[in-house]
Amino acid sequence: MRIRDAVRDIMYPPDQLTIVQTPSMIIITAPDGWTTRLAPDGTRVKDENTGIERKTRWDGARLVSEIAGAGQLLPGKAIQAFAVDGDNRLRITVQVEGGRNSQTRTITNVYDKKER
């Protein structure tokens, strides 16, 4: 069940996220406590609870994360990108290649910055 929840959070992230950056890691936390760790230096990070593995790097101002290990729930190649647009909003775009009919699917979620 955890892998199913993880894939759901990748494809349809919650309405609110808390993002913290340390020198070596970016940590994204959902309101329910679900945490995603990203190492922007290209190091692979595996979630031991789900088996999902991410390889993340900076591509200019975008943070790009290649996702693997979700099996049948997320077939093909999945890439999640994080970028701040001109209106200072965070755009999270997930692109899934392969799967049904070998079509590429793209989902974009937009977040307004909320000061704490």
C-alpha atoms as a PDB file:
ATOM      1  CA  MET A   1       0.000   0.000   0.000  1.00  0.00           C
ATOM      2  CA  ARG A   2       2.867   2.418   0.697  1.00  0.00           C
ATOM      3  CA  ILE A   3       4.112   2.266  -2.878  1.00  0.00           C
ATOM      4  CA  ARG A   4       0.614   3.058  -4.146  1.00  0.00           C
ATOM      5  CA  ASP A   5       0.444   6.106  -1.843  1.00  0.00           C
ATOM      6  CA  ALA A   6       3.924   7.193  -2.951  1.00  0.00           C
ATOM      7  CA  VAL A   7       2.993   7.009  -6.642  1.00  0.00           C
ATOM      8  CA  ARG A   8      -0.223   8.931  -5.948  1.00  0.00           C
ATOM      9  CA  ASP A   9       1.822  11.662  -4.233  1.00  0.00           C
ATOM     10  CA  ILE A  10       4.190  11.806  -7.230  1.00  0.00           C
ATOM     11  CA  MET A  11       1.398  12.063  -9.790  1.00  0.00           C
ATOM     12  CA  TYR A  12      -1.009  14.148  -7.694  1.00  0.00           C
ATOM     13  CA  PRO A  13       0.910  15.902  -4.913  1.00  0.00           C
ATOM     14  CA  PRO A  14      -1.010  17.322  -1.951  1.00  0.00           C
ATOM     15  CA  ASP A  15      -2.262  20.913  -1.943  1.00  0.00           C
ATOM     16  CA  GLN A  16       0.405  22.018   0.519  1.00  0.00           C
ATOM     17  CA  LEU A  17       4.101  21.109   0.777  1.00  0.00           C
ATOM     18  CA  THR A  18       6.897  22.101   3.124  1.00  0.00           C
ATOM     19  CA  ILE A  19      10.292  22.232   1.417  1.00  0.00           C
ATOM     20  CA  VAL A  20      13.569  22.471   3.311  1.00  0.00           C
ATOM     21  CA  GLN A  21      17.001  22.632   1.713  1.00  0.00           C
ATOM     22  CA  THR A  22      20.182  21.579   3.531  1.00  0.00           C
ATOM     23  CA  PRO A  23      23.672  21.663   2.009  1.00  0.00           C
ATOM     24  CA  SER A  24      23.294  18.099   0.672  1.00  0.00           C
ATOM     25  CA  MET A  25      19.559  17.345   0.587  1.00  0.00           C
ATOM     26  CA  ILE A  26      16.168  18.791  -0.306  1.00  0.00           C
ATOM     27  CA  ILE A  27      13.373  17.449   1.877  1.00  0.00           C
ATOM     28  CA  ILE A  28       9.734  17.749   0.821  1.00  0.00           C
ATOM     29  CA  THR A  29       7.091  16.998   3.445  1.00  0.00           C
ATOM     30  CA  ALA A  30       3.341  16.641   2.895  1.00  0.00           C
ATOM     31  CA  PRO A  31       0.748  17.524   5.557  1.00  0.00           C
ATOM     32  CA  ASP A  32       0.269  13.817   6.350  1.00  0.00           C
ATOM     33  CA  GLY A  33       3.980  13.504   7.192  1.00  0.00           C
ATOM     34  CA  TRP A  34       5.008  11.758   3.949  1.00  0.00           C
ATOM     35  CA  THR A  35       8.600  12.797   3.212  1.00  0.00           C
ATOM     36  CA  THR A  36      10.571  12.780  -0.041  1.00  0.00           C
ATOM     37  CA  ARG A  37      14.339  13.196   0.056  1.00  0.00           C
ATOM     38  CA  LEU A  38      16.202  14.497  -2.985  1.00  0.00           C
ATOM     39  CA  ALA A  39      20.005  14.690  -3.333  1.00  0.00           C
ATOM     40  CA  PRO A  40      20.559  17.356  -6.018  1.00  0.00           C
ATOM     41  CA  ASP A  41      24.120  16.192  -6.706  1.00  0.00           C
ATOM     42  CA  GLY A  42      22.911  13.223  -8.770  1.00  0.00           C
ATOM     43  CA  THR A  43      23.277  10.667  -5.984  1.00  0.00           C
ATOM     44  CA  ARG A  44      20.572   8.008  -6.076  1.00  0.00           C
ATOM     45  CA  VAL A  45      18.261   8.085  -3.056  1.00  0.00           C
ATOM     46  CA  LYS A  46      16.109   5.023  -2.389  1.00  0.00           C
ATOM     47  CA  ASP A  47      13.046   5.089  -0.158  1.00  0.00           C
ATOM     48  CA  GLU A  48      13.409   1.859   1.812  1.00  0.00           C
ATOM     49  CA  ASN A  49       9.649   1.763   2.559  1.00  0.00           C
ATOM     50  CA  THR A  50       8.566   1.807  -1.085  1.00  0.00           C
ATOM     51  CA  GLY A  51      11.613   0.822  -3.144  1.00  0.00           C
ATOM     52  CA  ILE A  52      11.207   3.977  -5.233  1.00  0.00           C
ATOM     53  CA  GLU A  53      14.558   5.407  -6.239  1.00  0.00           C
ATOM     54  CA  ARG A  54      15.306   8.954  -7.369  1.00  0.00           C
ATOM     55  CA  LYS A  55      18.295  10.457  -9.126  1.00  0.00           C
ATOM     56  CA  THR A  56      18.094  14.246  -8.881  1.00  0.00           C
ATOM     57  CA  ARG A  57      20.130  17.054 -10.420  1.00  0.00           C
ATOM     58  CA  TRP A  58      19.942  20.756 -11.115  1.00  0.00           C
ATOM     59  CA  ASP A  59      19.208  21.661 -14.735  1.00  0.00           C
ATOM     60  CA  GLY A  60      19.693  25.417 -14.687  1.00  0.00           C
ATOM     61  CA  ALA A  61      17.050  26.748 -12.296  1.00  0.00           C
ATOM     62  CA  ARG A  62      14.991  23.522 -12.462  1.00  0.00           C
ATOM     63  CA  LEU A  63      15.439  20.617 -10.068  1.00  0.00           C
ATOM     64  CA  VAL A  64      14.919  17.420 -12.103  1.00  0.00           C
ATOM     65  CA  SER A  65      14.303  14.036 -10.484  1.00  0.00           C
ATOM     66  CA  GLU A  66      14.300  10.763 -12.440  1.00  0.00           C
ATOM     67  CA  ILE A  67      12.065   8.205 -10.724  1.00  0.00           C
ATOM     68  CA  ALA A  68      12.442   4.420 -10.863  1.00  0.00           C
ATOM     69  CA  GLY A  69      11.293   1.396  -8.907  1.00  0.00           C
ATOM     70  CA  ALA A  70       7.526   1.890  -8.905  1.00  0.00           C
ATOM     71  CA  GLY A  71       6.940  -1.159 -11.108  1.00  0.00           C
ATOM     72  CA  GLN A  72       3.511  -1.536 -12.708  1.00  0.00           C
ATOM     73  CA  LEU A  73       2.115   1.505 -10.906  1.00  0.00           C
ATOM     74  CA  LEU A  74       4.439   3.883 -12.750  1.00  0.00           C
ATOM     75  CA  PRO A  75       5.650   2.053 -15.854  1.00  0.00           C
ATOM     76  CA  GLY A  76       8.132   3.568 -18.247  1.00  0.00           C
ATOM     77  CA  LYS A  77      10.237   6.584 -17.492  1.00  0.00           C
ATOM     78  CA  ALA A  78       9.048   9.176 -14.960  1.00  0.00           C
ATOM     79  CA  ILE A  79      10.603  12.597 -14.482  1.00  0.00           C
ATOM     80  CA  GLN A  80       9.495  15.121 -11.880  1.00  0.00           C
ATOM     81  CA  ALA A  81      10.711  18.711 -12.247  1.00  0.00           C
ATOM     82  CA  PHE A  82      10.499  21.561  -9.744  1.00  0.00           C
ATOM     83  CA  ALA A  83      10.807  25.188 -10.894  1.00  0.00           C
ATOM     84  CA  VAL A  84       9.846  28.631  -9.634  1.00  0.00           C
ATOM     85  CA  ASP A  85       8.062  30.707 -12.287  1.00  0.00           C
ATOM     86  CA  GLY A  86       8.115  34.475 -12.866  1.00  0.00           C
ATOM     87  CA  ASP A  87       5.260  34.980 -10.394  1.00  0.00           C
ATOM     88  CA  ASN A  88       7.302  33.273  -7.631  1.00  0.00           C
ATOM     89  CA  ARG A  89       5.077  30.178  -7.747  1.00  0.00           C
ATOM     90  CA  LEU A  90       6.438  26.652  -7.584  1.00  0.00           C
ATOM     91  CA  ARG A  91       5.556  24.464 -10.571  1.00  0.00           C
ATOM     92  CA  ILE A  92       5.908  20.713 -10.161  1.00  0.00           C
ATOM     93  CA  THR A  93       5.683  18.888 -13.464  1.00  0.00           C
ATOM     94  CA  VAL A  94       5.579  15.104 -13.753  1.00  0.00           C
ATOM     95  CA  GLN A  95       6.192  13.545 -17.144  1.00  0.00           C
ATOM     96  CA  VAL A  96       5.606   9.818 -17.599  1.00  0.00           C
ATOM     97  CA  GLU A  97       6.759   8.172 -20.813  1.00  0.00           C
ATOM     98  CA  GLY A  98       5.598   4.686 -21.771  1.00  0.00           C
ATOM     99  CA  GLY A  99       2.830   2.767 -20.120  1.00  0.00           C
ATOM    100  CA  ARG A 100      -0.482   2.505 -21.925  1.00  0.00           C
ATOM    101  CA  ASN A 101      -0.197   3.064 -25.669  1.00  0.00           C
ATOM    102  CA  SER A 102       3.378   4.343 -25.148  1.00  0.00           C
ATOM    103  CA  GLN A 103       2.032   7.875 -24.816  1.00  0.00           C
ATOM    104  CA  THR A 104       3.699  10.606 -22.778  1.00  0.00           C
ATOM    105  CA  ARG A 105       1.573  12.047 -19.991  1.00  0.00           C
ATOM    106  CA  THR A 106       2.339  15.355 -18.289  1.00  0.00           C
ATOM    107  CA  ILE A 107       0.759  16.666 -15.087  1.00  0.00           C
ATOM    108  CA  THR A 108       1.560  20.129 -13.690  1.00  0.00           C
ATOM    109  CA  ASN A 109       0.741  21.383 -10.196  1.00  0.00           C
ATOM    110  CA  VAL A 110       1.237  25.027  -9.174  1.00  0.00           C
ATOM    111  CA  TYR A 111       1.857  26.251  -5.620  1.00  0.00           C
ATOM    112  CA  ASP A 112       1.788  29.754  -4.162  1.00  0.00           C
ATOM    113  CA  LYS A 113       4.527  30.555  -1.661  1.00  0.00           C
ATOM    114  CA  LYS A 114       3.300  30.767   1.900  1.00  0.00           C
ATOM    115  CA  GLU A 115       5.506  32.454   4.469  1.00  0.00           C
ATOM    116  CA  ARG A 116       5.751  30.854   7.884  1.00  0.00           C
END
